[in-house]
């Protein structure tokens, strides 16, 4: 697949993203640079995903206003080890959501295989880069048609109608991200 560039509208960012097949898995790599309010940031992530679009491991390195951090996760059966510690609060979670990229929306979109107008509530490991926190959240995806999905936070305090390309990669996430066409 050719590299993609996403523009972060609210987060004033650019993301250079690659997705390749490697030894029966997908490997997503990305670099993001941007500024939001009083924060200047850089993010680099590496995610290994199986053929069902489920994450097997991830590494996120980021710097916000000069302060460097790293989050590494590996799935062991139904459990997650993050930064070398087991996290039972994430047991049976299949997805992560990295706050500054639309890519992590692709994971449930491609994995759930929803029919038109079908919805599914999921549990997600939310990684808030600018807030420097990791927490469990609930989200819901509804397939509107072949290229559009309704994304909702639960409780329902945010929703967006996301459009995707034929690979399930976000083309437009209204007000937040858009794919740059070159």
N, C-alpha and C. Protein backbone atom coordinates (compact mmCIF):
# COMPACT_ATOMS: atom_id res chain seq x y z
N UNK A 1 0.84 -1.18 0.00
CA UNK A 1 0.00 0.00 0.00
C UNK A 1 0.89 1.25 0.00
N UNK A 2 0.46 2.24 -0.72
CA UNK A 2 1.18 3.51 -0.76
C UNK A 2 1.02 4.25 0.57
N UNK A 3 2.01 5.04 0.97
CA UNK A 3 1.88 5.84 2.21
C UNK A 3 0.69 6.80 2.11
N UNK A 4 0.17 7.15 3.27
CA UNK A 4 -0.97 8.08 3.38
C UNK A 4 -0.53 9.26 4.23
N UNK A 5 -1.09 10.42 3.95
CA UNK A 5 -0.92 11.57 4.83
C UNK A 5 -2.30 11.98 5.31
N UNK A 6 -2.45 12.09 6.64
CA UNK A 6 -3.67 12.62 7.22
C UNK A 6 -3.37 13.99 7.82
N UNK A 7 -4.30 14.88 7.63
CA UNK A 7 -4.21 16.21 8.23
C UNK A 7 -5.13 16.24 9.45
N UNK A 8 -4.57 16.61 10.60
CA UNK A 8 -5.38 16.78 11.80
C UNK A 8 -5.89 18.20 11.85
N UNK A 9 -7.19 18.37 11.81
CA UNK A 9 -7.78 19.71 11.72
C UNK A 9 -7.74 20.40 13.08
N UNK A 10 -8.32 19.80 14.09
CA UNK A 10 -8.33 20.39 15.43
C UNK A 10 -6.93 20.38 16.03
N UNK A 11 -6.20 19.28 15.80
CA UNK A 11 -4.89 19.09 16.43
C UNK A 11 -3.74 19.68 15.63
N UNK A 12 -4.02 20.40 14.54
CA UNK A 12 -3.00 21.06 13.73
C UNK A 12 -1.81 20.13 13.50
N UNK A 13 -2.10 19.01 12.85
CA UNK A 13 -1.06 17.99 12.69
C UNK A 13 -1.00 17.45 11.27
N UNK A 14 0.11 16.80 10.99
CA UNK A 14 0.27 15.99 9.78
C UNK A 14 0.77 14.63 10.22
N UNK A 15 0.20 13.59 9.61
CA UNK A 15 0.60 12.23 9.92
C UNK A 15 1.03 11.54 8.63
N UNK A 16 2.23 10.96 8.66
CA UNK A 16 2.75 10.17 7.55
C UNK A 16 2.61 8.70 7.96
N UNK A 17 1.76 7.95 7.26
CA UNK A 17 1.34 6.62 7.67
C UNK A 17 1.67 5.58 6.60
N UNK A 18 2.13 4.41 7.04
CA UNK A 18 2.41 3.28 6.16
C UNK A 18 1.76 2.02 6.72
N UNK A 19 1.21 1.20 5.85
CA UNK A 19 0.65 -0.09 6.23
C UNK A 19 1.21 -1.12 5.25
N UNK A 20 1.92 -2.12 5.81
CA UNK A 20 2.51 -3.15 4.96
C UNK A 20 2.14 -4.53 5.49
N UNK A 21 2.17 -5.52 4.60
CA UNK A 21 2.00 -6.91 5.03
C UNK A 21 3.37 -7.48 5.32
N UNK A 22 3.47 -8.19 6.45
CA UNK A 22 4.76 -8.72 6.87
C UNK A 22 4.53 -10.04 7.61
N UNK A 23 5.00 -11.14 7.02
CA UNK A 23 4.91 -12.46 7.64
C UNK A 23 3.50 -12.81 8.12
N UNK A 24 2.51 -12.56 7.28
CA UNK A 24 1.14 -12.92 7.62
C UNK A 24 0.41 -11.93 8.50
N UNK A 25 1.06 -10.85 8.84
CA UNK A 25 0.43 -9.80 9.63
C UNK A 25 0.47 -8.48 8.87
N UNK A 26 -0.21 -7.48 9.41
CA UNK A 26 -0.07 -6.12 8.93
C UNK A 26 0.80 -5.39 9.93
N UNK A 27 1.61 -4.48 9.43
CA UNK A 27 2.40 -3.61 10.29
C UNK A 27 2.10 -2.18 9.91
N UNK A 28 1.61 -1.41 10.89
CA UNK A 28 1.32 0.01 10.70
C UNK A 28 2.41 0.82 11.36
N UNK A 29 2.99 1.75 10.61
CA UNK A 29 3.99 2.65 11.17
C UNK A 29 3.58 4.07 10.83
N UNK A 30 3.88 4.99 11.75
CA UNK A 30 3.44 6.35 11.52
C UNK A 30 4.29 7.34 12.29
N UNK A 31 4.31 8.55 11.77
CA UNK A 31 4.94 9.67 12.44
C UNK A 31 3.98 10.85 12.34
N UNK A 32 3.72 11.49 13.48
CA UNK A 32 2.79 12.62 13.56
C UNK A 32 3.53 13.79 14.19
N UNK A 33 3.31 14.97 13.65
CA UNK A 33 3.86 16.18 14.25
C UNK A 33 2.74 17.23 14.26
N UNK A 34 2.65 17.99 15.35
CA UNK A 34 1.60 18.98 15.41
C UNK A 34 1.67 19.87 16.63
N UNK A 35 0.67 20.72 16.73
CA UNK A 35 0.54 21.60 17.91
C UNK A 35 -0.94 21.77 18.22
N UNK A 36 -1.23 21.78 19.51
CA UNK A 36 -2.61 21.95 19.97
C UNK A 36 -2.58 22.78 21.24
N UNK A 37 -3.31 23.90 21.22
CA UNK A 37 -3.33 24.83 22.35
C UNK A 37 -1.89 25.18 22.71
N UNK A 38 -1.44 24.87 23.90
CA UNK A 38 -0.07 25.23 24.31
C UNK A 38 0.89 24.06 24.21
N UNK A 39 0.55 23.04 23.40
CA UNK A 39 1.37 21.84 23.32
C UNK A 39 1.90 21.62 21.90
N UNK A 40 3.20 21.40 21.81
CA UNK A 40 3.84 21.00 20.56
C UNK A 40 4.20 19.53 20.74
N UNK A 41 3.87 18.69 19.76
CA UNK A 41 4.07 17.26 19.96
C UNK A 41 4.58 16.54 18.72
N UNK A 42 5.19 15.39 19.01
CA UNK A 42 5.66 14.46 18.00
C UNK A 42 5.28 13.06 18.48
N UNK A 43 4.73 12.24 17.58
CA UNK A 43 4.32 10.88 17.92
C UNK A 43 4.85 9.93 16.85
N UNK A 44 5.36 8.80 17.29
CA UNK A 44 5.77 7.74 16.38
C UNK A 44 5.14 6.45 16.91
N UNK A 45 4.42 5.72 16.06
CA UNK A 45 3.87 4.46 16.52
C UNK A 45 4.14 3.33 15.54
N UNK A 46 4.16 2.12 16.11
CA UNK A 46 4.41 0.88 15.38
C UNK A 46 3.42 -0.14 15.93
N UNK A 47 2.54 -0.67 15.07
CA UNK A 47 1.50 -1.58 15.52
C UNK A 47 1.53 -2.85 14.66
N UNK A 48 1.56 -4.01 15.30
CA UNK A 48 1.45 -5.28 14.60
C UNK A 48 0.02 -5.78 14.74
N UNK A 49 -0.60 -6.09 13.60
CA UNK A 49 -2.02 -6.45 13.54
C UNK A 49 -2.14 -7.77 12.80
N UNK A 50 -3.00 -8.66 13.29
CA UNK A 50 -3.17 -9.93 12.57
C UNK A 50 -4.13 -9.75 11.38
N UNK A 51 -4.36 -10.80 10.64
CA UNK A 51 -5.20 -10.74 9.43
C UNK A 51 -6.67 -10.41 9.73
N UNK A 52 -7.08 -10.57 11.00
CA UNK A 52 -8.44 -10.20 11.40
C UNK A 52 -8.52 -8.77 11.91
N UNK A 53 -7.45 -8.01 11.76
CA UNK A 53 -7.37 -6.61 12.18
C UNK A 53 -7.38 -6.45 13.71
N UNK A 54 -6.84 -7.45 14.40
CA UNK A 54 -6.70 -7.37 15.85
C UNK A 54 -5.24 -7.10 16.20
N UNK A 55 -5.04 -6.19 17.11
CA UNK A 55 -3.68 -5.81 17.51
C UNK A 55 -3.04 -6.92 18.32
N UNK A 56 -1.79 -7.20 17.98
CA UNK A 56 -1.00 -8.18 18.72
C UNK A 56 0.00 -7.46 19.64
N UNK A 57 0.55 -6.35 19.14
CA UNK A 57 1.45 -5.54 19.96
C UNK A 57 1.53 -4.14 19.37
N UNK A 58 1.93 -3.20 20.22
CA UNK A 58 2.10 -1.83 19.77
C UNK A 58 3.19 -1.14 20.57
N UNK A 59 3.78 -0.13 19.94
CA UNK A 59 4.74 0.73 20.61
C UNK A 59 4.46 2.16 20.16
N UNK A 60 4.29 3.04 21.12
CA UNK A 60 4.06 4.45 20.84
C UNK A 60 5.11 5.24 21.60
N UNK A 61 5.88 6.03 20.86
CA UNK A 61 6.83 6.95 21.48
C UNK A 61 6.34 8.35 21.16
N UNK A 62 6.33 9.20 22.16
CA UNK A 62 5.86 10.56 21.92
C UNK A 62 6.58 11.57 22.79
N UNK A 63 6.54 12.79 22.29
CA UNK A 63 7.16 13.91 23.00
C UNK A 63 6.16 15.07 22.97
N UNK A 64 5.86 15.60 24.14
CA UNK A 64 4.96 16.74 24.25
C UNK A 64 5.71 17.83 25.01
N UNK A 65 5.92 18.96 24.35
CA UNK A 65 6.67 20.09 24.94
C UNK A 65 8.00 19.64 25.53
N UNK A 66 8.70 18.76 24.81
CA UNK A 66 10.02 18.33 25.22
C UNK A 66 10.05 17.15 26.17
N UNK A 67 8.90 16.73 26.71
CA UNK A 67 8.86 15.60 27.64
C UNK A 67 8.56 14.32 26.85
N UNK A 68 9.51 13.37 26.91
CA UNK A 68 9.38 12.12 26.16
C UNK A 68 8.68 11.05 26.99
N UNK A 69 7.85 10.23 26.30
CA UNK A 69 7.15 9.11 26.94
C UNK A 69 7.08 7.96 25.95
N UNK A 70 6.82 6.77 26.49
CA UNK A 70 6.72 5.58 25.65
C UNK A 70 5.66 4.65 26.25
N UNK A 71 4.85 4.07 25.37
CA UNK A 71 3.85 3.09 25.79
C UNK A 71 4.04 1.86 24.89
N UNK A 72 4.27 0.71 25.53
CA UNK A 72 4.41 -0.54 24.79
C UNK A 72 3.38 -1.53 25.30
N UNK A 73 2.66 -2.15 24.39
CA UNK A 73 1.66 -3.13 24.77
C UNK A 73 1.80 -4.41 23.98
N UNK A 74 1.54 -5.51 24.65
CA UNK A 74 1.55 -6.81 23.98
C UNK A 74 0.37 -7.61 24.50
N UNK A 75 -0.33 -8.27 23.57
CA UNK A 75 -1.48 -9.07 23.94
C UNK A 75 -1.03 -10.50 24.25
N UNK A 76 -1.40 -10.98 25.42
CA UNK A 76 -1.10 -12.36 25.85
C UNK A 76 -2.43 -13.07 26.07
N UNK A 77 -2.91 -13.80 25.07
CA UNK A 77 -4.23 -14.42 25.17
C UNK A 77 -5.29 -13.34 25.19
N UNK A 78 -6.05 -13.25 26.28
CA UNK A 78 -7.07 -12.20 26.39
C UNK A 78 -6.60 -11.05 27.28
N UNK A 79 -5.36 -11.12 27.73
CA UNK A 79 -4.82 -10.10 28.63
C UNK A 79 -3.85 -9.18 27.92
N UNK A 80 -3.66 -8.01 28.51
CA UNK A 80 -2.72 -7.02 27.98
C UNK A 80 -1.62 -6.74 28.99
N UNK A 81 -0.41 -6.73 28.49
CA UNK A 81 0.74 -6.28 29.27
C UNK A 81 1.14 -4.93 28.67
N UNK A 82 1.10 -3.88 29.49
CA UNK A 82 1.44 -2.55 29.02
C UNK A 82 2.58 -2.02 29.88
N UNK A 83 3.64 -1.61 29.20
CA UNK A 83 4.86 -1.13 29.87
C UNK A 83 5.35 -2.12 30.92
N UNK A 84 5.29 -3.42 30.58
CA UNK A 84 5.83 -4.45 31.45
C UNK A 84 4.94 -4.90 32.59
N UNK A 85 3.71 -4.36 32.67
CA UNK A 85 2.79 -4.75 33.75
C UNK A 85 1.50 -5.30 33.16
N UNK A 86 0.95 -6.33 33.82
CA UNK A 86 -0.35 -6.85 33.42
C UNK A 86 -1.43 -5.86 33.82
N UNK A 87 -2.43 -5.71 32.95
CA UNK A 87 -3.54 -4.78 33.19
C UNK A 87 -4.86 -5.52 33.08
N UNK A 88 -5.35 -6.10 34.21
CA UNK A 88 -6.60 -6.86 34.17
C UNK A 88 -7.81 -6.01 33.77
N UNK A 89 -7.74 -4.68 33.94
CA UNK A 89 -8.87 -3.83 33.54
C UNK A 89 -9.07 -3.83 32.02
N UNK A 90 -8.08 -4.31 31.27
CA UNK A 90 -8.19 -4.39 29.82
C UNK A 90 -8.39 -5.82 29.32
N UNK A 91 -8.69 -6.75 30.21
CA UNK A 91 -8.88 -8.14 29.83
C UNK A 91 -10.01 -8.26 28.80
N UNK A 92 -9.76 -9.00 27.75
CA UNK A 92 -10.68 -9.23 26.63
C UNK A 92 -10.89 -8.01 25.73
N UNK A 93 -10.15 -6.92 25.92
CA UNK A 93 -10.24 -5.78 25.01
C UNK A 93 -9.52 -6.15 23.72
N UNK A 94 -10.13 -5.83 22.59
CA UNK A 94 -9.55 -6.16 21.30
C UNK A 94 -8.90 -4.97 20.61
N UNK A 95 -9.23 -3.76 21.04
CA UNK A 95 -8.84 -2.57 20.28
C UNK A 95 -8.14 -1.54 21.14
N UNK A 96 -7.33 -0.70 20.45
CA UNK A 96 -6.79 0.50 21.08
C UNK A 96 -7.27 1.70 20.27
N UNK A 97 -7.26 2.85 20.90
CA UNK A 97 -7.59 4.11 20.23
C UNK A 97 -6.52 5.11 20.64
N UNK A 98 -5.69 5.50 19.68
CA UNK A 98 -4.66 6.51 19.92
C UNK A 98 -5.26 7.86 19.56
N UNK A 99 -5.23 8.79 20.49
CA UNK A 99 -5.98 10.04 20.37
C UNK A 99 -5.65 10.89 19.15
N UNK A 100 -4.47 10.89 18.63
CA UNK A 100 -4.08 11.84 17.59
C UNK A 100 -4.05 11.26 16.17
N UNK A 101 -4.66 10.09 15.98
CA UNK A 101 -4.67 9.47 14.66
C UNK A 101 -6.04 8.88 14.35
N UNK A 102 -6.46 8.95 13.08
CA UNK A 102 -7.70 8.26 12.70
C UNK A 102 -7.48 6.78 12.39
N UNK A 103 -6.21 6.33 12.32
CA UNK A 103 -5.97 4.95 11.92
C UNK A 103 -6.62 3.94 12.85
N UNK A 104 -6.61 4.18 14.15
CA UNK A 104 -7.12 3.17 15.06
C UNK A 104 -8.64 2.95 14.91
N UNK A 105 -9.33 3.84 14.20
CA UNK A 105 -10.74 3.58 13.85
C UNK A 105 -10.85 2.45 12.82
N UNK A 106 -9.81 2.28 12.02
CA UNK A 106 -9.80 1.23 10.99
C UNK A 106 -9.89 -0.16 11.61
N UNK A 107 -9.30 -0.33 12.79
CA UNK A 107 -9.23 -1.66 13.41
C UNK A 107 -10.61 -2.24 13.66
N UNK A 108 -11.51 -1.57 14.42
CA UNK A 108 -12.85 -2.14 14.59
C UNK A 108 -13.67 -2.14 13.30
N UNK A 109 -13.49 -1.11 12.46
CA UNK A 109 -14.25 -1.07 11.20
C UNK A 109 -13.96 -2.31 10.38
N UNK A 110 -12.70 -2.69 10.26
CA UNK A 110 -12.35 -3.87 9.46
C UNK A 110 -12.58 -5.18 10.20
N UNK A 111 -12.43 -5.19 11.51
CA UNK A 111 -12.60 -6.43 12.26
C UNK A 111 -14.06 -6.82 12.45
N UNK A 112 -14.93 -5.85 12.72
CA UNK A 112 -16.32 -6.16 13.08
C UNK A 112 -17.14 -6.70 11.90
N UNK A 113 -16.77 -6.33 10.67
CA UNK A 113 -17.49 -6.80 9.49
C UNK A 113 -19.00 -6.58 9.62
N UNK A 114 -19.38 -5.35 9.97
CA UNK A 114 -20.80 -5.03 10.19
C UNK A 114 -21.57 -5.02 8.88
N UNK A 115 -22.84 -5.42 8.95
CA UNK A 115 -23.76 -5.27 7.83
C UNK A 115 -24.35 -3.87 7.87
N UNK A 116 -24.93 -3.43 6.78
CA UNK A 116 -25.51 -2.09 6.73
C UNK A 116 -26.54 -1.91 7.85
N UNK A 117 -26.42 -0.80 8.57
CA UNK A 117 -27.26 -0.38 9.70
C UNK A 117 -27.11 -1.28 10.94
N UNK A 118 -26.10 -2.12 10.96
CA UNK A 118 -25.79 -2.93 12.14
C UNK A 118 -24.84 -2.14 13.04
N UNK A 119 -25.02 -2.25 14.37
CA UNK A 119 -24.18 -1.56 15.35
C UNK A 119 -23.51 -2.56 16.26
N UNK A 120 -22.37 -2.14 16.82
CA UNK A 120 -21.70 -2.96 17.81
C UNK A 120 -21.00 -2.04 18.81
N UNK A 121 -21.20 -2.35 20.08
CA UNK A 121 -20.51 -1.64 21.16
C UNK A 121 -19.23 -2.41 21.47
N UNK A 122 -18.13 -1.66 21.65
CA UNK A 122 -16.84 -2.30 21.91
C UNK A 122 -16.15 -1.63 23.10
N UNK A 123 -15.21 -2.37 23.70
CA UNK A 123 -14.36 -1.82 24.75
C UNK A 123 -12.98 -1.58 24.16
N UNK A 124 -12.41 -0.44 24.53
CA UNK A 124 -11.20 0.04 23.88
C UNK A 124 -10.20 0.54 24.92
N UNK A 125 -8.92 0.28 24.67
CA UNK A 125 -7.84 0.89 25.46
C UNK A 125 -7.58 2.25 24.82
N UNK A 126 -7.97 3.31 25.52
CA UNK A 126 -7.81 4.67 24.99
C UNK A 126 -6.49 5.25 25.47
N UNK A 127 -5.66 5.65 24.51
CA UNK A 127 -4.35 6.22 24.82
C UNK A 127 -4.39 7.69 24.44
N UNK A 128 -4.50 8.53 25.46
CA UNK A 128 -4.60 9.97 25.28
C UNK A 128 -3.19 10.54 25.35
N UNK A 129 -2.62 10.85 24.20
CA UNK A 129 -1.24 11.32 24.13
C UNK A 129 -1.08 12.66 24.84
N UNK A 130 -1.90 13.64 24.51
CA UNK A 130 -1.74 14.98 25.09
C UNK A 130 -2.08 15.01 26.57
N UNK A 131 -2.96 14.12 27.02
CA UNK A 131 -3.31 14.03 28.44
C UNK A 131 -2.43 13.05 29.20
N UNK A 132 -1.56 12.33 28.48
CA UNK A 132 -0.64 11.35 29.06
C UNK A 132 -1.38 10.36 29.96
N UNK A 133 -2.45 9.76 29.42
CA UNK A 133 -3.21 8.78 30.20
C UNK A 133 -3.66 7.62 29.33
N UNK A 134 -3.87 6.48 29.99
CA UNK A 134 -4.39 5.28 29.34
C UNK A 134 -5.58 4.83 30.18
N UNK A 135 -6.73 4.63 29.52
CA UNK A 135 -7.91 4.23 30.29
C UNK A 135 -8.86 3.41 29.42
N UNK A 136 -9.72 2.61 30.07
CA UNK A 136 -10.73 1.86 29.32
C UNK A 136 -11.90 2.77 28.94
N UNK A 137 -12.38 2.64 27.71
CA UNK A 137 -13.56 3.39 27.27
C UNK A 137 -14.45 2.46 26.45
N UNK A 138 -15.70 2.88 26.28
CA UNK A 138 -16.63 2.16 25.41
C UNK A 138 -16.94 3.04 24.21
N UNK A 139 -17.06 2.38 23.07
CA UNK A 139 -17.38 3.06 21.82
C UNK A 139 -18.40 2.21 21.07
N UNK A 140 -19.06 2.85 20.12
CA UNK A 140 -20.00 2.11 19.27
C UNK A 140 -19.79 2.51 17.83
N UNK A 141 -19.82 1.50 16.95
CA UNK A 141 -19.73 1.72 15.52
C UNK A 141 -21.01 1.20 14.87
N UNK A 142 -21.56 1.99 13.95
CA UNK A 142 -22.72 1.60 13.16
C UNK A 142 -22.35 1.78 11.69
N UNK A 143 -22.56 0.74 10.89
CA UNK A 143 -22.28 0.86 9.46
C UNK A 143 -23.48 1.51 8.79
N UNK A 144 -23.27 2.69 8.22
CA UNK A 144 -24.35 3.40 7.52
C UNK A 144 -24.51 2.81 6.11
N UNK A 145 -23.39 2.70 5.40
CA UNK A 145 -23.36 2.07 4.08
C UNK A 145 -21.94 1.56 3.85
N UNK A 146 -21.58 1.19 2.64
CA UNK A 146 -20.28 0.60 2.37
C UNK A 146 -19.08 1.45 2.75
N UNK A 147 -19.23 2.77 2.75
CA UNK A 147 -18.09 3.64 2.99
C UNK A 147 -18.28 4.58 4.18
N UNK A 148 -19.38 4.47 4.90
CA UNK A 148 -19.64 5.41 6.01
C UNK A 148 -20.04 4.67 7.27
N UNK A 149 -19.48 5.15 8.38
CA UNK A 149 -19.74 4.58 9.70
C UNK A 149 -20.06 5.70 10.67
N UNK A 150 -20.98 5.43 11.58
CA UNK A 150 -21.26 6.35 12.67
C UNK A 150 -20.44 5.87 13.86
N UNK A 151 -19.58 6.76 14.35
CA UNK A 151 -18.76 6.47 15.53
C UNK A 151 -19.36 7.23 16.70
N UNK A 152 -19.51 6.56 17.85
CA UNK A 152 -20.05 7.21 19.05
C UNK A 152 -19.25 6.82 20.27
N UNK A 153 -18.98 7.81 21.12
CA UNK A 153 -18.45 7.54 22.47
C UNK A 153 -19.62 7.09 23.33
N UNK A 154 -19.34 6.28 24.33
CA UNK A 154 -20.36 5.87 25.29
C UNK A 154 -19.84 6.23 26.67
N UNK A 155 -20.51 7.08 27.47
CA UNK A 155 -21.81 7.65 27.18
C UNK A 155 -21.75 8.56 25.95
N UNK A 156 -22.87 8.75 25.32
CA UNK A 156 -22.92 9.41 24.02
C UNK A 156 -22.73 10.93 24.14
N UNK A 157 -21.45 11.32 24.35
CA UNK A 157 -21.13 12.74 24.42
C UNK A 157 -20.38 13.22 23.18
N UNK A 158 -20.16 12.31 22.22
CA UNK A 158 -19.51 12.66 20.96
C UNK A 158 -19.89 11.63 19.91
N UNK A 159 -20.12 12.12 18.70
CA UNK A 159 -20.36 11.22 17.57
C UNK A 159 -19.87 11.88 16.30
N UNK A 160 -19.52 11.04 15.31
CA UNK A 160 -19.07 11.54 14.02
C UNK A 160 -19.39 10.50 12.96
N UNK A 161 -19.73 10.97 11.78
CA UNK A 161 -19.95 10.07 10.65
C UNK A 161 -18.65 10.04 9.84
N UNK A 162 -17.97 8.91 9.91
CA UNK A 162 -16.65 8.73 9.31
C UNK A 162 -16.80 8.08 7.94
N UNK A 163 -16.07 8.61 6.95
CA UNK A 163 -16.04 7.94 5.64
C UNK A 163 -14.68 7.28 5.47
N UNK A 164 -14.70 6.07 4.87
CA UNK A 164 -13.49 5.27 4.70
C UNK A 164 -13.31 4.89 3.23
N UNK A 165 -12.07 4.51 2.89
CA UNK A 165 -11.80 4.03 1.54
C UNK A 165 -12.05 2.52 1.48
N UNK A 166 -11.73 1.90 0.36
CA UNK A 166 -11.97 0.47 0.17
C UNK A 166 -11.18 -0.43 1.12
N UNK A 167 -10.14 0.11 1.75
CA UNK A 167 -9.34 -0.65 2.72
C UNK A 167 -9.77 -0.40 4.15
N UNK A 168 -10.80 0.43 4.33
CA UNK A 168 -11.26 0.75 5.68
C UNK A 168 -10.47 1.87 6.34
N UNK A 169 -9.59 2.52 5.59
CA UNK A 169 -8.81 3.64 6.13
C UNK A 169 -9.60 4.93 6.03
N UNK A 170 -9.55 5.74 7.07
CA UNK A 170 -10.34 6.96 7.15
C UNK A 170 -9.95 7.93 6.04
N UNK A 171 -10.97 8.40 5.32
CA UNK A 171 -10.78 9.47 4.34
C UNK A 171 -11.21 10.80 4.93
N UNK A 172 -12.32 10.77 5.68
CA UNK A 172 -12.81 12.00 6.30
C UNK A 172 -13.45 11.69 7.64
N UNK A 173 -12.95 12.37 8.66
CA UNK A 173 -13.47 12.28 10.03
C UNK A 173 -13.84 13.73 10.35
N UNK A 174 -15.09 14.13 10.05
CA UNK A 174 -15.47 15.54 10.04
C UNK A 174 -14.98 16.34 11.25
N UNK A 175 -14.27 17.43 10.93
CA UNK A 175 -13.78 18.33 11.95
C UNK A 175 -12.51 17.88 12.64
N UNK A 176 -12.11 16.60 12.46
CA UNK A 176 -10.92 16.10 13.15
C UNK A 176 -9.78 15.73 12.19
N UNK A 177 -10.07 14.86 11.20
CA UNK A 177 -9.02 14.38 10.32
C UNK A 177 -9.53 14.27 8.89
N UNK A 178 -8.62 14.49 7.94
CA UNK A 178 -8.95 14.20 6.56
C UNK A 178 -7.70 13.71 5.84
N UNK A 179 -7.94 12.75 4.95
CA UNK A 179 -6.85 12.20 4.14
C UNK A 179 -6.44 13.25 3.12
N UNK A 180 -5.15 13.47 2.99
CA UNK A 180 -4.63 14.42 2.02
C UNK A 180 -4.47 13.68 0.70
N UNK A 181 -5.10 14.19 -0.33
CA UNK A 181 -5.02 13.57 -1.66
C UNK A 181 -3.86 14.22 -2.40
N UNK A 182 -2.92 13.38 -2.83
CA UNK A 182 -1.75 13.91 -3.55
C UNK A 182 -1.76 13.47 -4.99
